[in-house]
Every structure is written in C-alpha cells, then in structure tokens.
C-alpha cells in the first residue's frame, strides 16, 4: 500500500565522507549530503552507487540521501523517514499487531536507557523500539550490519521491561524491496542474535515491516508483518 510520497531526485555517490555524510553529484553540481543511517551500508553507499536525494532547508548539508536505487526500486535508508512512515501507518491502522495500540510518547527515557516509543494497548502500557534492516543477503533483510552495542542494550532493556509486565516490542523495518523475510545477521554480531532469541522466550514480541521506496518518491508498505526467522 502507498503510504506517502516525497520529492526526490537522482544523485551519484562520489565519496562516503563519514558514517553520516557523503559527497554526491547531481546535474553536474557537487553536494555534501546527510545520511540519516548510522549503519555501515557498505553494499549500498559506495563510489558510483546511484541514490535518491531530497533537498533540506537547514544544516551543514544541503540534501539528504533518502534511498539507494536497486534496479527499478530503492532501499529506504533514511531512518527518520522510516520512523515517520511507521508512525503514520500505525495511526491509520495499517499495522495489524498494533491495531489496538496508541503511541503515547517518543524517545522515552526508562530504566537508564531510551526507547523509541511508549505505547498503550487496551489499557496496557508498553514500549516499542524500531530498528532499520537494510542489509540484504539471500532474500533476507538483516540487522545489524556492524556490531551494535546500542542495539544489544535495547534488546536487554525490552527484555527487562517485559519481565516487569509491560508489553515489549522490537520492530524491524525491512527496507530493501527485494527482501522476503528478516533475520538477525549473526555472522557480524552473534550476541544480538542470541539475546534476541532469549528475549522472545521472556515474551518480547518481534515483528518486521516491509517498507521501501519507488523511484518517483512513493513510499510503499508492502507487508506489515514480514516473516521473521530467529533461530
């Protein structure tokens, strides 16, 4: 289902300048672009890769890198847009496992950590953390693409919150249009895979939402409940 549309234009990556910036070329002009995704993205962001960008009104960079073109579609790499589209999908009832829920707060401080959302589901309080899965391999979208202490901390925190009686959810945004399922990338971070499996045993819920970008800037939610393979 089409969830929204943003204005985008094609650019070419010249240099991956840092984890969050790249030098890009558009119509002969050179720009410093912001990449709102802290993953390595080595299979997506490299010299010569073609990306979808949007202009931004302020800051040290003049454009954002929104997506990375893969054939006739694009990987939605911008985690800010991922979050906004997820929130919109929740508000209009597109996420079946959250239909009875309302997002109450964002960026919530709890037990010495921070979780993306505090939710309420039929009077039951809960917490939800959103993660971006853009790495693609053998039909799977995977997370993380680099060892993640922050991701591990979130899993452990949600496990503890579940033990205290809260509803606890980890939702992965499957942002690659070719992905058919999600699984943790244990080859790069075995601890994430193990703790995710252990968290499920305590009642933490794990879901995946397939969301990607068309070349015209259309954002599509193809499947709000993609298969998760956690073994």
Foldseek 3Di string as FASTA:
>chain_A
DFQDFDAKDKWFFAAPPDQFWTWIDDPRDIWIEGFQANAPCPVFHDGGWMFIWDADDDDPTGIYGQFTDDPQFTFGRHVVVVVVSVQSCLVVQNQPVQVQKDFDDAQDDDPNHTAGTWMAGPNAIATEHEAEFADDDPQEGEPDNAADPNLLVLLVVLLVVVLVPHAAEYEYEHRDPRHQAYEYPCVRPVSNLVSNVVSVVSPYYYFYWYWYGGPRRTIDGPGSGGHYDRD
